[in-house]
Amino acid sequence: MDRSKLDNTLKLITKSNITKERYALYATIDQLSETEVKPAQHLLNNTRYPKGSQQGQILSPCLQNKALSFIGDSLYKSAKLLKKKSDH
């Protein structure tokens, strides 16, 4: 982010009630490459509760961590097994 963007963002923050968390989210989004923008938007649109009292809200951090752990275990399980087999 260049200096003028930072100054503009600071002005917006001081003029409004933007929380630190919201500012951090804006900064993270601003740092995404163009190829990451569409997947990030898809992620935000699809990691929401599909039904129930929290329908439409973003999944809780606990569920996000469980999903990430499941994905990591599933995707990298075969690589771990191959490494174990080669060690024997």
N, C-alpha and C. Protein backbone atom coordinates (compact mmCIF):
# COMPACT_ATOMS: atom_id res chain seq x y z
N MET A 1 0.85 -1.17 0.00
CA MET A 1 0.00 0.00 0.00
C MET A 1 0.90 1.23 0.00
N ASP A 2 0.66 2.16 -0.92
CA ASP A 2 1.50 3.34 -0.98
C ASP A 2 1.10 4.36 0.08
N ARG A 3 1.91 5.37 0.22
CA ARG A 3 1.73 6.37 1.29
C ARG A 3 0.38 7.09 1.19
N SER A 4 -0.04 7.45 -0.02
CA SER A 4 -1.31 8.17 -0.18
C SER A 4 -2.50 7.29 0.24
N LYS A 5 -2.43 5.99 -0.09
CA LYS A 5 -3.50 5.09 0.32
C LYS A 5 -3.53 4.95 1.84
N LEU A 6 -2.35 4.86 2.44
CA LEU A 6 -2.28 4.76 3.90
C LEU A 6 -2.85 6.01 4.56
N ASP A 7 -2.49 7.19 4.03
CA ASP A 7 -3.01 8.44 4.59
C ASP A 7 -4.52 8.51 4.45
N ASN A 8 -5.03 8.10 3.28
CA ASN A 8 -6.46 8.12 3.05
C ASN A 8 -7.18 7.16 3.99
N THR A 9 -6.61 5.98 4.19
CA THR A 9 -7.20 4.99 5.09
C THR A 9 -7.20 5.51 6.52
N LEU A 10 -6.11 6.16 6.93
CA LEU A 10 -6.04 6.73 8.27
C LEU A 10 -7.10 7.79 8.47
N LYS A 11 -7.32 8.63 7.47
CA LYS A 11 -8.37 9.65 7.56
C LYS A 11 -9.74 9.01 7.72
N LEU A 12 -9.99 7.96 6.95
CA LEU A 12 -11.28 7.26 7.05
C LEU A 12 -11.48 6.67 8.44
N ILE A 13 -10.42 6.10 8.98
CA ILE A 13 -10.51 5.47 10.30
C ILE A 13 -10.77 6.51 11.37
N THR A 14 -10.06 7.62 11.32
CA THR A 14 -10.22 8.63 12.36
C THR A 14 -11.56 9.34 12.26
N LYS A 15 -12.16 9.37 11.07
CA LYS A 15 -13.46 10.02 10.89
C LYS A 15 -14.62 9.11 11.20
N SER A 16 -14.39 7.83 11.33
CA SER A 16 -15.48 6.90 11.54
C SER A 16 -15.20 6.01 12.74
N ASN A 17 -16.08 5.09 12.94
CA ASN A 17 -15.95 4.16 14.06
C ASN A 17 -15.45 2.80 13.60
N ILE A 18 -14.54 2.78 12.65
CA ILE A 18 -14.00 1.52 12.16
C ILE A 18 -13.16 0.88 13.26
N THR A 19 -13.45 -0.38 13.52
CA THR A 19 -12.70 -1.08 14.56
C THR A 19 -11.34 -1.51 14.03
N LYS A 20 -10.46 -1.85 14.93
CA LYS A 20 -9.13 -2.33 14.54
C LYS A 20 -9.25 -3.61 13.71
N GLU A 21 -10.20 -4.46 14.08
CA GLU A 21 -10.38 -5.71 13.35
C GLU A 21 -10.83 -5.44 11.92
N ARG A 22 -11.75 -4.49 11.74
CA ARG A 22 -12.23 -4.16 10.40
C ARG A 22 -11.10 -3.55 9.57
N TYR A 23 -10.30 -2.70 10.19
CA TYR A 23 -9.16 -2.12 9.48
C TYR A 23 -8.18 -3.22 9.06
N ALA A 24 -7.93 -4.17 9.96
CA ALA A 24 -7.02 -5.27 9.63
C ALA A 24 -7.57 -6.08 8.46
N LEU A 25 -8.89 -6.28 8.43
CA LEU A 25 -9.50 -7.00 7.32
C LEU A 25 -9.31 -6.22 6.02
N TYR A 26 -9.56 -4.93 6.05
CA TYR A 26 -9.36 -4.10 4.85
C TYR A 26 -7.92 -4.18 4.37
N ALA A 27 -6.98 -4.10 5.30
CA ALA A 27 -5.56 -4.14 4.94
C ALA A 27 -5.20 -5.49 4.32
N THR A 28 -5.74 -6.57 4.87
CA THR A 28 -5.47 -7.91 4.33
C THR A 28 -6.03 -8.03 2.92
N ILE A 29 -7.24 -7.55 2.72
CA ILE A 29 -7.86 -7.61 1.40
C ILE A 29 -7.06 -6.77 0.41
N ASP A 30 -6.60 -5.62 0.83
CA ASP A 30 -5.84 -4.73 -0.05
C ASP A 30 -4.53 -5.38 -0.49
N GLN A 31 -3.98 -6.27 0.32
CA GLN A 31 -2.71 -6.91 -0.01
C GLN A 31 -2.87 -8.13 -0.91
N LEU A 32 -4.10 -8.56 -1.18
CA LEU A 32 -4.32 -9.71 -2.04
C LEU A 32 -3.90 -9.40 -3.47
N SER A 33 -3.33 -10.39 -4.13
CA SER A 33 -3.04 -10.23 -5.55
C SER A 33 -4.36 -10.32 -6.31
N GLU A 34 -4.35 -9.88 -7.54
CA GLU A 34 -5.57 -9.91 -8.35
C GLU A 34 -6.09 -11.34 -8.50
N THR A 35 -5.20 -12.30 -8.56
CA THR A 35 -5.63 -13.69 -8.72
C THR A 35 -6.26 -14.25 -7.44
N GLU A 36 -6.00 -13.61 -6.30
CA GLU A 36 -6.56 -14.08 -5.03
C GLU A 36 -7.89 -13.44 -4.68
N VAL A 37 -8.26 -12.36 -5.37
CA VAL A 37 -9.47 -11.63 -5.01
C VAL A 37 -10.72 -12.49 -5.21
N LYS A 38 -10.86 -13.11 -6.36
CA LYS A 38 -12.05 -13.92 -6.64
C LYS A 38 -12.17 -15.10 -5.68
N PRO A 39 -11.08 -15.87 -5.43
CA PRO A 39 -11.20 -16.95 -4.44
C PRO A 39 -11.52 -16.44 -3.04
N ALA A 40 -11.00 -15.27 -2.67
CA ALA A 40 -11.29 -14.71 -1.35
C ALA A 40 -12.77 -14.33 -1.24
N GLN A 41 -13.30 -13.76 -2.29
CA GLN A 41 -14.72 -13.41 -2.30
C GLN A 41 -15.58 -14.68 -2.21
N HIS A 42 -15.18 -15.70 -2.95
CA HIS A 42 -15.88 -16.98 -2.91
C HIS A 42 -15.84 -17.57 -1.50
N LEU A 43 -14.67 -17.50 -0.88
CA LEU A 43 -14.51 -18.01 0.48
C LEU A 43 -15.45 -17.30 1.45
N LEU A 44 -15.48 -15.98 1.40
CA LEU A 44 -16.36 -15.23 2.30
C LEU A 44 -17.83 -15.52 2.03
N ASN A 45 -18.18 -15.73 0.78
CA ASN A 45 -19.58 -16.00 0.44
C ASN A 45 -20.01 -17.41 0.82
N ASN A 46 -19.09 -18.35 0.88
CA ASN A 46 -19.46 -19.75 1.08
C ASN A 46 -19.15 -20.31 2.45
N THR A 47 -18.43 -19.60 3.27
CA THR A 47 -18.15 -20.11 4.62
C THR A 47 -19.14 -19.47 5.61
N ARG A 48 -20.39 -19.70 5.32
CA ARG A 48 -21.48 -19.17 6.14
C ARG A 48 -22.40 -20.32 6.56
N TYR A 49 -23.06 -20.13 7.68
CA TYR A 49 -24.02 -21.14 8.13
C TYR A 49 -25.15 -21.23 7.10
N PRO A 50 -25.46 -22.45 6.62
CA PRO A 50 -26.47 -22.59 5.58
C PRO A 50 -27.91 -22.49 6.11
N LYS A 51 -28.12 -22.78 7.38
CA LYS A 51 -29.47 -22.72 7.94
C LYS A 51 -29.38 -22.58 9.45
N GLY A 52 -30.50 -22.45 10.07
CA GLY A 52 -30.56 -22.32 11.52
C GLY A 52 -30.58 -20.87 11.96
N SER A 53 -30.43 -20.66 13.25
CA SER A 53 -30.53 -19.30 13.80
C SER A 53 -29.39 -18.39 13.34
N GLN A 54 -28.28 -18.98 12.91
CA GLN A 54 -27.14 -18.18 12.46
C GLN A 54 -27.02 -18.16 10.94
N GLN A 55 -28.07 -18.55 10.24
CA GLN A 55 -28.05 -18.62 8.79
C GLN A 55 -27.52 -17.33 8.17
N GLY A 56 -26.56 -17.50 7.25
CA GLY A 56 -25.99 -16.35 6.55
C GLY A 56 -24.80 -15.73 7.24
N GLN A 57 -24.59 -16.04 8.51
CA GLN A 57 -23.44 -15.50 9.23
C GLN A 57 -22.20 -16.34 8.92
N ILE A 58 -21.05 -15.70 8.99
CA ILE A 58 -19.79 -16.40 8.73
C ILE A 58 -19.57 -17.44 9.83
N LEU A 59 -19.06 -18.61 9.42
CA LEU A 59 -18.80 -19.69 10.39
C LEU A 59 -17.90 -19.21 11.52
N SER A 60 -18.11 -19.77 12.68
CA SER A 60 -17.32 -19.40 13.85
C SER A 60 -15.85 -19.76 13.64
N PRO A 61 -14.94 -19.05 14.33
CA PRO A 61 -13.52 -19.39 14.21
C PRO A 61 -13.23 -20.84 14.57
N CYS A 62 -13.97 -21.39 15.52
CA CYS A 62 -13.78 -22.79 15.91
C CYS A 62 -14.07 -23.71 14.73
N LEU A 63 -15.20 -23.50 14.05
CA LEU A 63 -15.53 -24.33 12.90
C LEU A 63 -14.57 -24.10 11.75
N GLN A 64 -14.12 -22.88 11.57
CA GLN A 64 -13.13 -22.60 10.53
C GLN A 64 -11.84 -23.38 10.79
N ASN A 65 -11.40 -23.40 12.06
CA ASN A 65 -10.19 -24.15 12.40
C ASN A 65 -10.37 -25.65 12.19
N LYS A 66 -11.56 -26.17 12.53
CA LYS A 66 -11.83 -27.60 12.31
C LYS A 66 -11.81 -27.92 10.83
N ALA A 67 -12.40 -27.06 10.01
CA ALA A 67 -12.40 -27.29 8.56
C ALA A 67 -10.99 -27.27 8.01
N LEU A 68 -10.19 -26.32 8.46
CA LEU A 68 -8.81 -26.23 8.00
C LEU A 68 -8.01 -27.46 8.41
N SER A 69 -8.23 -27.92 9.63
CA SER A 69 -7.55 -29.11 10.11
C SER A 69 -7.96 -30.34 9.28
N PHE A 70 -9.26 -30.46 9.01
CA PHE A 70 -9.76 -31.57 8.20
C PHE A 70 -9.15 -31.54 6.80
N ILE A 71 -9.11 -30.36 6.20
CA ILE A 71 -8.54 -30.22 4.86
C ILE A 71 -7.05 -30.59 4.88
N GLY A 72 -6.34 -30.06 5.86
CA GLY A 72 -4.92 -30.36 5.98
C GLY A 72 -4.66 -31.84 6.16
N ASP A 73 -5.44 -32.47 7.02
CA ASP A 73 -5.27 -33.90 7.26
C ASP A 73 -5.61 -34.72 6.01
N SER A 74 -6.65 -34.32 5.30
CA SER A 74 -7.08 -35.05 4.12
C SER A 74 -6.13 -34.86 2.94
N LEU A 75 -5.73 -33.64 2.69
CA LEU A 75 -4.88 -33.36 1.54
C LEU A 75 -3.47 -33.91 1.70
N TYR A 76 -2.96 -33.80 2.91
CA TYR A 76 -1.55 -34.14 3.11
C TYR A 76 -1.37 -35.52 3.73
N LYS A 77 -2.46 -36.23 3.94
CA LYS A 77 -2.39 -37.56 4.54
C LYS A 77 -1.58 -38.51 3.66
N SER A 78 -1.84 -38.49 2.36
CA SER A 78 -1.13 -39.41 1.47
C SER A 78 0.37 -39.09 1.42
N ALA A 79 0.72 -37.82 1.49
CA ALA A 79 2.14 -37.45 1.50
C ALA A 79 2.81 -37.95 2.78
N LYS A 80 2.11 -37.85 3.90
CA LYS A 80 2.65 -38.33 5.17
C LYS A 80 2.84 -39.85 5.13
N LEU A 81 1.84 -40.55 4.56
CA LEU A 81 1.93 -42.01 4.47
C LEU A 81 3.09 -42.43 3.58
N LEU A 82 3.26 -41.75 2.45
CA LEU A 82 4.37 -42.07 1.56
C LEU A 82 5.71 -41.85 2.23
N LYS A 83 5.81 -40.80 3.01
CA LYS A 83 7.07 -40.51 3.71
C LYS A 83 7.35 -41.58 4.75
N LYS A 84 6.31 -41.98 5.50
CA LYS A 84 6.48 -43.02 6.51
C LYS A 84 6.93 -44.34 5.86
N LYS A 85 6.32 -44.67 4.72
CA LYS A 85 6.68 -45.91 4.04
C LYS A 85 8.11 -45.86 3.54
N SER A 86 8.56 -44.70 3.07
CA SER A 86 9.91 -44.60 2.55
C SER A 86 10.94 -44.61 3.68
N ASP A 87 10.52 -44.22 4.89
CA ASP A 87 11.42 -44.22 6.04
C ASP A 87 11.68 -45.66 6.54
N HIS A 88 10.79 -46.57 6.22
CA HIS A 88 10.92 -47.95 6.71
C HIS A 88 11.74 -48.79 5.81
